[in-house]
Amino acid sequence: EPAKQSESAVVVLDAGHGGSDQGAMSVWGTQGPMEKDITLAYAQSLRRRLESLGAEVSLTRSDDSTMDEEDRILYSAYKDADLYLSFHGTATESNVNGQAVSGISVYYDNEMSYDLGRLLYRQLASQLKLKNNDLSSNDLSVIKVPLARAVMICPGVLTNPLDYERMTDPVEIY
């Protein structure tokens, strides 16, 4: 007897910021894509990839709109998400050399999300061949999603010119 098709995974992708919330300032200031634009590009690209693999994927926002963190969490609960991936960028303080900090960061909130965070962290660091990376637990409200594995992925440092170039390159986003 052939194996039964399992239910597809339900994934909610959260493009951080949006609308009047532009996110962190990039190395180029307001010249070029802002954090809110970059996170939306990542979520839209990943949505297409995951749907091609059979996942049921929803975005917390699909345009340049504002959404509160609480509403993002509630949306994930409404969709009964198995996975919740939130995209953000990181930035250095104005008194820190932006070129001194680079790489990806993956944050998780609880033990249930640790394995997912570790897997994503290792794969991204390996695929992107980046050295200065961070996997850590964080008490961020945007990843406090009940009953779903939730992580925040920061694909680079907006204040680092090389990271910013990589983060805004359509091929790298894919």
N, C-alpha and C. Protein backbone atom coordinates (compact mmCIF):
# COMPACT_ATOMS: atom_id res chain seq x y z
N GLU A 1 0.85 -1.17 0.00
CA GLU A 1 0.00 0.00 0.00
C GLU A 1 0.90 1.24 0.00
N PRO A 2 0.64 2.23 -0.88
CA PRO A 2 1.47 3.42 -0.92
C PRO A 2 1.35 4.23 0.37
N ALA A 3 2.42 4.91 0.68
CA ALA A 3 2.42 5.76 1.87
C ALA A 3 1.41 6.87 1.71
N LYS A 4 0.74 7.21 2.80
CA LYS A 4 -0.24 8.29 2.75
C LYS A 4 0.48 9.64 2.76
N GLN A 5 -0.08 10.57 2.00
CA GLN A 5 0.47 11.93 1.97
C GLN A 5 0.17 12.60 3.30
N SER A 6 1.18 13.10 3.96
CA SER A 6 0.94 13.78 5.23
C SER A 6 0.43 15.19 4.97
N GLU A 7 -0.16 15.77 5.99
CA GLU A 7 -0.63 17.14 5.85
C GLU A 7 0.57 18.05 5.59
N SER A 8 0.34 19.07 4.80
CA SER A 8 1.43 19.99 4.52
C SER A 8 1.67 20.88 5.74
N ALA A 9 2.90 21.30 5.87
CA ALA A 9 3.26 22.18 6.98
C ALA A 9 2.60 23.54 6.78
N VAL A 10 2.18 24.13 7.87
CA VAL A 10 1.61 25.47 7.84
C VAL A 10 2.69 26.43 8.33
N VAL A 11 3.09 27.34 7.46
CA VAL A 11 4.19 28.25 7.75
C VAL A 11 3.69 29.69 7.66
N VAL A 12 3.99 30.47 8.68
CA VAL A 12 3.71 31.90 8.64
C VAL A 12 5.05 32.62 8.55
N LEU A 13 5.17 33.45 7.52
CA LEU A 13 6.38 34.24 7.32
C LEU A 13 6.07 35.69 7.69
N ASP A 14 6.88 36.22 8.57
CA ASP A 14 6.68 37.58 9.07
C ASP A 14 7.75 38.50 8.51
N ALA A 15 7.33 39.38 7.60
CA ALA A 15 8.24 40.41 7.08
C ALA A 15 8.23 41.56 8.08
N GLY A 16 9.30 41.68 8.83
CA GLY A 16 9.37 42.67 9.90
C GLY A 16 9.15 44.09 9.41
N HIS A 17 8.63 44.91 10.32
CA HIS A 17 8.40 46.33 10.10
C HIS A 17 7.31 46.54 9.05
N GLY A 18 7.36 47.61 8.27
CA GLY A 18 6.34 47.90 7.26
C GLY A 18 5.59 49.17 7.55
N GLY A 19 5.05 49.76 6.48
CA GLY A 19 4.30 51.00 6.61
C GLY A 19 5.16 52.12 7.15
N SER A 20 4.67 52.79 8.18
CA SER A 20 5.41 53.91 8.77
C SER A 20 6.63 53.44 9.57
N ASP A 21 6.69 52.16 9.90
CA ASP A 21 7.83 51.59 10.63
C ASP A 21 8.86 51.08 9.61
N GLN A 22 9.87 51.91 9.34
CA GLN A 22 10.86 51.57 8.32
C GLN A 22 11.90 50.57 8.78
N GLY A 23 12.01 50.38 10.08
CA GLY A 23 13.03 49.48 10.61
C GLY A 23 14.33 50.23 10.83
N ALA A 24 15.40 49.48 10.98
CA ALA A 24 16.71 50.07 11.25
C ALA A 24 17.23 50.81 10.03
N MET A 25 18.03 51.83 10.28
CA MET A 25 18.64 52.61 9.20
C MET A 25 19.77 51.79 8.58
N SER A 26 19.84 51.81 7.27
CA SER A 26 20.89 51.06 6.58
C SER A 26 22.13 51.93 6.39
N VAL A 27 23.15 51.32 5.84
CA VAL A 27 24.40 52.02 5.57
C VAL A 27 24.17 53.21 4.64
N TRP A 28 23.17 53.15 3.78
CA TRP A 28 22.89 54.22 2.82
C TRP A 28 21.76 55.12 3.28
N GLY A 29 21.33 55.01 4.52
CA GLY A 29 20.25 55.86 5.01
C GLY A 29 18.96 55.54 4.29
N THR A 30 18.34 56.58 3.72
CA THR A 30 17.08 56.38 3.00
C THR A 30 17.30 56.18 1.50
N GLN A 31 18.55 56.10 1.08
CA GLN A 31 18.87 55.85 -0.33
C GLN A 31 18.96 54.34 -0.53
N GLY A 32 17.97 53.76 -1.15
CA GLY A 32 17.96 52.31 -1.36
C GLY A 32 16.94 51.65 -0.47
N PRO A 33 16.81 50.34 -0.63
CA PRO A 33 15.80 49.61 0.15
C PRO A 33 16.01 49.75 1.65
N MET A 34 14.89 49.94 2.35
CA MET A 34 14.90 50.04 3.81
C MET A 34 14.74 48.62 4.38
N GLU A 35 14.91 48.49 5.69
CA GLU A 35 14.74 47.19 6.32
C GLU A 35 13.36 46.60 6.00
N LYS A 36 12.32 47.42 6.05
CA LYS A 36 10.97 46.93 5.78
C LYS A 36 10.84 46.36 4.37
N ASP A 37 11.56 46.93 3.40
CA ASP A 37 11.53 46.44 2.02
C ASP A 37 12.30 45.13 1.89
N ILE A 38 13.43 45.05 2.56
CA ILE A 38 14.28 43.86 2.50
C ILE A 38 13.58 42.67 3.12
N THR A 39 12.96 42.89 4.28
CA THR A 39 12.28 41.76 4.95
C THR A 39 11.11 41.26 4.12
N LEU A 40 10.41 42.16 3.45
CA LEU A 40 9.29 41.75 2.60
C LEU A 40 9.80 40.94 1.41
N ALA A 41 10.92 41.34 0.83
CA ALA A 41 11.50 40.59 -0.29
C ALA A 41 11.88 39.17 0.13
N TYR A 42 12.47 39.04 1.32
CA TYR A 42 12.83 37.70 1.83
C TYR A 42 11.58 36.84 2.03
N ALA A 43 10.55 37.40 2.66
CA ALA A 43 9.34 36.64 2.94
C ALA A 43 8.65 36.21 1.64
N GLN A 44 8.58 37.11 0.67
CA GLN A 44 7.93 36.77 -0.60
C GLN A 44 8.70 35.70 -1.36
N SER A 45 10.02 35.81 -1.36
CA SER A 45 10.85 34.81 -2.04
C SER A 45 10.71 33.44 -1.38
N LEU A 46 10.79 33.41 -0.05
CA LEU A 46 10.68 32.14 0.66
C LEU A 46 9.29 31.54 0.51
N ARG A 47 8.28 32.40 0.45
CA ARG A 47 6.91 31.90 0.26
C ARG A 47 6.83 31.07 -1.02
N ARG A 48 7.35 31.61 -2.11
CA ARG A 48 7.30 30.89 -3.39
C ARG A 48 8.05 29.56 -3.30
N ARG A 49 9.21 29.57 -2.65
CA ARG A 49 10.00 28.33 -2.53
C ARG A 49 9.27 27.28 -1.70
N LEU A 50 8.72 27.69 -0.56
CA LEU A 50 8.04 26.74 0.32
C LEU A 50 6.75 26.20 -0.30
N GLU A 51 6.02 27.06 -1.01
CA GLU A 51 4.80 26.60 -1.66
C GLU A 51 5.12 25.58 -2.76
N SER A 52 6.25 25.76 -3.43
CA SER A 52 6.64 24.80 -4.47
C SER A 52 6.97 23.43 -3.86
N LEU A 53 7.27 23.42 -2.56
CA LEU A 53 7.55 22.17 -1.86
C LEU A 53 6.30 21.59 -1.19
N GLY A 54 5.18 22.28 -1.34
CA GLY A 54 3.92 21.76 -0.82
C GLY A 54 3.48 22.34 0.51
N ALA A 55 4.19 23.32 1.04
CA ALA A 55 3.79 23.92 2.31
C ALA A 55 2.63 24.89 2.10
N GLU A 56 1.84 25.05 3.12
CA GLU A 56 0.79 26.08 3.14
C GLU A 56 1.41 27.30 3.80
N VAL A 57 1.58 28.38 3.04
CA VAL A 57 2.33 29.54 3.52
C VAL A 57 1.47 30.79 3.53
N SER A 58 1.56 31.54 4.61
CA SER A 58 0.89 32.83 4.74
C SER A 58 1.91 33.88 5.16
N LEU A 59 1.68 35.10 4.72
CA LEU A 59 2.54 36.22 5.11
C LEU A 59 1.78 37.11 6.09
N THR A 60 2.49 37.62 7.09
CA THR A 60 1.82 38.55 8.00
C THR A 60 1.51 39.85 7.28
N ARG A 61 2.33 40.20 6.30
CA ARG A 61 2.02 41.35 5.43
C ARG A 61 2.58 41.05 4.04
N SER A 62 1.82 41.43 3.02
CA SER A 62 2.25 41.18 1.65
C SER A 62 2.49 42.48 0.89
N ASP A 63 2.41 43.60 1.61
CA ASP A 63 2.68 44.90 1.01
C ASP A 63 3.30 45.80 2.07
N ASP A 64 3.42 47.07 1.77
CA ASP A 64 4.06 48.01 2.70
C ASP A 64 3.04 48.52 3.72
N SER A 65 2.55 47.61 4.54
CA SER A 65 1.56 47.98 5.54
C SER A 65 2.13 47.79 6.94
N THR A 66 1.51 48.46 7.89
CA THR A 66 1.93 48.39 9.29
C THR A 66 1.12 47.30 9.99
N MET A 67 1.81 46.54 10.85
CA MET A 67 1.12 45.52 11.65
C MET A 67 1.80 45.43 13.01
N ASP A 68 1.03 45.53 14.07
CA ASP A 68 1.58 45.43 15.42
C ASP A 68 2.13 44.03 15.66
N GLU A 69 3.12 43.95 16.57
CA GLU A 69 3.70 42.65 16.92
C GLU A 69 2.64 41.69 17.45
N GLU A 70 1.74 42.22 18.28
CA GLU A 70 0.70 41.37 18.85
C GLU A 70 -0.18 40.78 17.75
N ASP A 71 -0.50 41.60 16.73
CA ASP A 71 -1.33 41.12 15.64
C ASP A 71 -0.60 40.07 14.80
N ARG A 72 0.71 40.17 14.70
CA ARG A 72 1.48 39.17 13.97
C ARG A 72 1.39 37.82 14.69
N ILE A 73 1.49 37.86 16.00
CA ILE A 73 1.39 36.65 16.81
C ILE A 73 -0.01 36.06 16.71
N LEU A 74 -1.02 36.91 16.84
CA LEU A 74 -2.41 36.45 16.74
C LEU A 74 -2.70 35.85 15.37
N TYR A 75 -2.13 36.44 14.32
CA TYR A 75 -2.32 35.93 12.97
C TYR A 75 -1.74 34.52 12.85
N SER A 76 -0.58 34.32 13.45
CA SER A 76 0.06 33.01 13.43
C SER A 76 -0.81 31.98 14.15
N ALA A 77 -1.38 32.37 15.28
CA ALA A 77 -2.26 31.47 16.03
C ALA A 77 -3.53 31.18 15.21
N TYR A 78 -4.07 32.20 14.56
CA TYR A 78 -5.26 32.02 13.73
C TYR A 78 -4.99 31.03 12.59
N LYS A 79 -3.81 31.09 12.02
CA LYS A 79 -3.45 30.19 10.92
C LYS A 79 -3.03 28.81 11.43
N ASP A 80 -2.93 28.64 12.76
CA ASP A 80 -2.51 27.39 13.37
C ASP A 80 -1.15 26.96 12.81
N ALA A 81 -0.21 27.88 12.85
CA ALA A 81 1.11 27.68 12.24
C ALA A 81 1.92 26.60 12.94
N ASP A 82 2.61 25.81 12.12
CA ASP A 82 3.61 24.87 12.63
C ASP A 82 4.95 25.58 12.78
N LEU A 83 5.23 26.47 11.85
CA LEU A 83 6.48 27.25 11.84
C LEU A 83 6.16 28.72 11.67
N TYR A 84 6.91 29.55 12.37
CA TYR A 84 6.78 31.00 12.27
C TYR A 84 8.19 31.56 12.11
N LEU A 85 8.45 32.16 10.96
CA LEU A 85 9.76 32.73 10.68
C LEU A 85 9.62 34.23 10.52
N SER A 86 10.29 34.98 11.35
CA SER A 86 10.23 36.44 11.30
C SER A 86 11.56 36.97 10.75
N PHE A 87 11.47 37.83 9.75
CA PHE A 87 12.68 38.40 9.13
C PHE A 87 12.92 39.82 9.61
N HIS A 88 14.15 40.09 10.00
CA HIS A 88 14.57 41.42 10.42
C HIS A 88 16.02 41.61 9.98
N GLY A 89 16.47 42.83 10.04
CA GLY A 89 17.88 43.10 9.83
C GLY A 89 18.47 43.57 11.15
N THR A 90 19.76 43.50 11.27
CA THR A 90 20.40 44.06 12.45
C THR A 90 21.18 45.29 12.02
N ALA A 91 21.53 46.12 12.96
CA ALA A 91 22.29 47.34 12.68
C ALA A 91 23.16 47.65 13.88
N THR A 92 24.25 48.30 13.62
CA THR A 92 25.13 48.71 14.71
C THR A 92 24.69 50.07 15.23
N GLU A 93 25.09 50.37 16.44
CA GLU A 93 24.84 51.70 17.00
C GLU A 93 25.64 52.72 16.20
N SER A 94 25.23 53.96 16.26
CA SER A 94 25.88 55.00 15.46
C SER A 94 27.35 55.20 15.84
N ASN A 95 27.73 54.84 17.06
CA ASN A 95 29.11 55.02 17.50
C ASN A 95 29.99 53.80 17.22
N VAL A 96 29.45 52.80 16.50
CA VAL A 96 30.21 51.58 16.18
C VAL A 96 30.46 51.55 14.68
N ASN A 97 31.66 51.16 14.31
CA ASN A 97 32.01 51.03 12.90
C ASN A 97 31.14 49.95 12.27
N GLY A 98 30.29 50.33 11.31
CA GLY A 98 29.37 49.39 10.68
C GLY A 98 30.07 48.27 9.94
N GLN A 99 31.32 48.49 9.52
CA GLN A 99 32.04 47.44 8.80
C GLN A 99 32.63 46.40 9.74
N ALA A 100 32.63 46.69 11.03
CA ALA A 100 33.24 45.79 12.00
C ALA A 100 32.32 44.63 12.37
N VAL A 101 31.02 44.75 12.07
CA VAL A 101 30.05 43.74 12.45
C VAL A 101 29.37 43.24 11.18
N SER A 102 29.30 41.92 11.02
CA SER A 102 28.66 41.35 9.84
C SER A 102 28.13 39.96 10.15
N GLY A 103 27.40 39.39 9.20
CA GLY A 103 26.93 38.02 9.32
C GLY A 103 25.47 37.91 9.67
N ILE A 104 25.00 36.67 9.73
CA ILE A 104 23.60 36.41 10.03
C ILE A 104 23.40 36.18 11.53
N SER A 105 22.18 36.40 11.95
CA SER A 105 21.79 36.08 13.32
C SER A 105 20.47 35.32 13.27
N VAL A 106 20.36 34.31 14.10
CA VAL A 106 19.12 33.56 14.23
C VAL A 106 18.79 33.53 15.72
N TYR A 107 17.58 33.95 16.05
CA TYR A 107 17.15 34.00 17.44
C TYR A 107 15.97 33.06 17.66
N TYR A 108 15.96 32.43 18.80
CA TYR A 108 14.85 31.56 19.19
C TYR A 108 14.44 31.95 20.60
N ASP A 109 13.22 31.61 20.98
CA ASP A 109 12.69 32.04 22.26
C ASP A 109 12.61 30.91 23.28
N ASN A 110 12.48 29.68 22.82
CA ASN A 110 12.26 28.58 23.77
C ASN A 110 12.90 27.30 23.24
N GLU A 111 12.90 26.29 24.06
CA GLU A 111 13.53 25.02 23.69
C GLU A 111 12.86 24.37 22.48
N MET A 112 11.54 24.56 22.34
CA MET A 112 10.83 23.99 21.21
C MET A 112 11.37 24.55 19.89
N SER A 113 11.82 25.79 19.92
CA SER A 113 12.31 26.45 18.71
C SER A 113 13.82 26.34 18.52
N TYR A 114 14.52 25.84 19.53
CA TYR A 114 15.97 25.77 19.46
C TYR A 114 16.47 24.91 18.29
N ASP A 115 15.91 23.71 18.11
CA ASP A 115 16.36 22.82 17.04
C ASP A 115 16.18 23.46 15.67
N LEU A 116 15.04 24.11 15.46
CA LEU A 116 14.81 24.81 14.19
C LEU A 116 15.82 25.94 14.02
N GLY A 117 16.02 26.72 15.06
CA GLY A 117 16.99 27.81 15.00
C GLY A 117 18.39 27.32 14.69
N ARG A 118 18.80 26.25 15.34
CA ARG A 118 20.14 25.69 15.12
C ARG A 118 20.29 25.18 13.69
N LEU A 119 19.27 24.48 13.19
CA LEU A 119 19.30 23.97 11.81
C LEU A 119 19.40 25.12 10.80
N LEU A 120 18.54 26.12 10.95
CA LEU A 120 18.57 27.26 10.03
C LEU A 120 19.90 28.00 10.11
N TYR A 121 20.38 28.20 11.32
CA TYR A 121 21.65 28.89 11.52
C TYR A 121 22.79 28.17 10.80
N ARG A 122 22.90 26.87 11.01
CA ARG A 122 23.98 26.09 10.38
C ARG A 122 23.88 26.11 8.86
N GLN A 123 22.67 25.90 8.34
CA GLN A 123 22.48 25.87 6.89
C GLN A 123 22.76 27.23 6.26
N LEU A 124 22.25 28.30 6.86
CA LEU A 124 22.48 29.63 6.30
C LEU A 124 23.95 30.01 6.35
N ALA A 125 24.60 29.77 7.47
CA ALA A 125 26.03 30.10 7.59
C ALA A 125 26.85 29.33 6.57
N SER A 126 26.50 28.07 6.36
CA SER A 126 27.22 27.23 5.41
C SER A 126 26.95 27.67 3.97
N GLN A 127 25.68 27.84 3.63
CA GLN A 127 25.31 28.22 2.26
C GLN A 127 25.87 29.58 1.88
N LEU A 128 25.83 30.52 2.81
CA LEU A 128 26.28 31.88 2.52
C LEU A 128 27.78 32.06 2.77
N LYS A 129 28.41 31.04 3.33
CA LYS A 129 29.84 31.08 3.63
C LYS A 129 30.22 32.32 4.46
N LEU A 130 29.42 32.54 5.49
CA LEU A 130 29.65 33.67 6.38
C LEU A 130 30.30 33.19 7.66
N LYS A 131 31.17 34.01 8.22
CA LYS A 131 31.92 33.60 9.40
C LYS A 131 31.39 34.20 10.70
N ASN A 132 30.99 35.45 10.69
CA ASN A 132 30.58 36.13 11.92
C ASN A 132 29.08 36.00 12.10
N ASN A 133 28.67 34.92 12.72
CA ASN A 133 27.25 34.64 12.85
C ASN A 133 26.88 34.43 14.30
N ASP A 134 25.58 34.49 14.57
CA ASP A 134 25.12 34.39 15.95
C ASP A 134 23.83 33.57 16.02
N LEU A 135 23.84 32.55 16.85
CA LEU A 135 22.64 31.80 17.20
C LEU A 135 22.44 32.00 18.69
N SER A 136 21.31 32.59 19.06
CA SER A 136 21.12 32.82 20.49
C SER A 136 19.65 32.88 20.88
N SER A 137 19.44 32.62 22.15
CA SER A 137 18.12 32.74 22.72
C SER A 137 17.85 34.21 22.97
N ASN A 138 16.62 34.62 22.74
CA ASN A 138 16.28 36.02 22.95
C ASN A 138 14.83 36.10 23.37
N ASP A 139 14.53 37.03 24.22
CA ASP A 139 13.18 37.19 24.76
C ASP A 139 12.39 38.20 23.93
N LEU A 140 12.52 38.14 22.61
CA LEU A 140 11.84 39.08 21.73
C LEU A 140 10.36 38.74 21.64
N SER A 141 9.52 39.75 21.76
CA SER A 141 8.08 39.49 21.74
C SER A 141 7.62 39.01 20.38
N VAL A 142 8.30 39.38 19.30
CA VAL A 142 7.85 39.01 17.96
C VAL A 142 7.98 37.52 17.69
N ILE A 143 8.74 36.80 18.51
CA ILE A 143 8.84 35.34 18.33
C ILE A 143 8.22 34.57 19.49
N LYS A 144 7.38 35.21 20.26
CA LYS A 144 6.66 34.53 21.34
C LYS A 144 5.35 33.96 20.79
N VAL A 145 5.49 32.96 19.94
CA VAL A 145 4.34 32.36 19.28
C VAL A 145 4.00 31.05 19.99
N PRO A 146 2.81 30.97 20.58
CA PRO A 146 2.46 29.72 21.26
C PRO A 146 2.21 28.60 20.27
N LEU A 147 2.64 27.41 20.61
CA LEU A 147 2.35 26.18 19.87
C LEU A 147 2.94 26.14 18.46
N ALA A 148 3.93 26.95 18.19
CA ALA A 148 4.62 26.90 16.89
C ALA A 148 6.11 27.07 17.14
N ARG A 149 6.90 26.44 16.32
CA ARG A 149 8.33 26.69 16.36
C ARG A 149 8.55 28.05 15.73
N ALA A 150 9.17 28.96 16.45
CA ALA A 150 9.30 30.34 15.99
C ALA A 150 10.74 30.81 16.12
N VAL A 151 11.25 31.38 15.05
CA VAL A 151 12.59 31.96 15.08
C VAL A 151 12.59 33.29 14.33
N MET A 152 13.54 34.12 14.67
CA MET A 152 13.76 35.35 13.93
C MET A 152 15.08 35.19 13.19
N ILE A 153 15.04 35.49 11.89
CA ILE A 153 16.22 35.39 11.05
C ILE A 153 16.64 36.79 10.63
N CYS A 154 17.87 37.13 10.93
CA CYS A 154 18.44 38.41 10.51
C CYS A 154 19.55 38.07 9.51
N PRO A 155 19.27 38.20 8.20
CA PRO A 155 20.23 37.74 7.20
C PRO A 155 21.48 38.60 7.07
N GLY A 156 21.56 39.70 7.79
CA GLY A 156 22.77 40.50 7.72
C GLY A 156 22.64 41.77 8.54
N VAL A 157 23.71 42.56 8.47
CA VAL A 157 23.81 43.81 9.21
C VAL A 157 23.61 44.96 8.23
N LEU A 158 22.55 45.71 8.41
CA LEU A 158 22.19 46.79 7.49
C LEU A 158 23.24 47.89 7.43
N THR A 159 24.02 48.05 8.48
CA THR A 159 25.03 49.11 8.51
C THR A 159 26.38 48.66 7.98
N ASN A 160 26.47 47.40 7.54
CA ASN A 160 27.70 46.90 6.93
C ASN A 160 27.50 46.93 5.41
N PRO A 161 28.34 47.66 4.67
CA PRO A 161 28.13 47.78 3.22
C PRO A 161 28.10 46.45 2.47
N LEU A 162 28.96 45.49 2.85
CA LEU A 162 28.97 44.21 2.16
C LEU A 162 27.72 43.39 2.49
N ASP A 163 27.32 43.39 3.76
CA ASP A 163 26.09 42.69 4.13
C ASP A 163 24.89 43.32 3.43
N TYR A 164 24.83 44.65 3.42
CA TYR A 164 23.70 45.34 2.79
C TYR A 164 23.62 45.00 1.31
N GLU A 165 24.75 44.97 0.64
CA GLU A 165 24.77 44.62 -0.78
C GLU A 165 24.25 43.19 -0.98
N ARG A 166 24.70 42.27 -0.14
CA ARG A 166 24.25 40.88 -0.23
C ARG A 166 22.76 40.78 0.08
N MET A 167 22.31 41.51 1.10
CA MET A 167 20.91 41.43 1.52
C MET A 167 19.93 42.00 0.49
N THR A 168 20.41 42.87 -0.38
CA THR A 168 19.53 43.49 -1.37
C THR A 168 19.71 42.92 -2.76
N ASP A 169 20.58 41.94 -2.91
CA ASP A 169 20.82 41.30 -4.20
C ASP A 169 19.75 40.22 -4.43
N PRO A 170 18.94 40.34 -5.50
CA PRO A 170 17.86 39.37 -5.75
C PRO A 170 18.35 37.91 -5.80
N VAL A 171 19.53 37.68 -6.33
CA VAL A 171 20.06 36.31 -6.41
C VAL A 171 20.36 35.80 -5.00
N GLU A 172 20.94 36.62 -4.16
CA GLU A 172 21.25 36.23 -2.79
C GLU A 172 19.95 36.03 -1.97
N ILE A 173 18.96 36.86 -2.22
CA ILE A 173 17.68 36.71 -1.52
C ILE A 173 17.09 35.35 -1.87
N TYR A 174 17.17 34.96 -3.13
CA TYR A 174 16.63 33.67 -3.56
C TYR A 174 17.39 32.53 -2.90
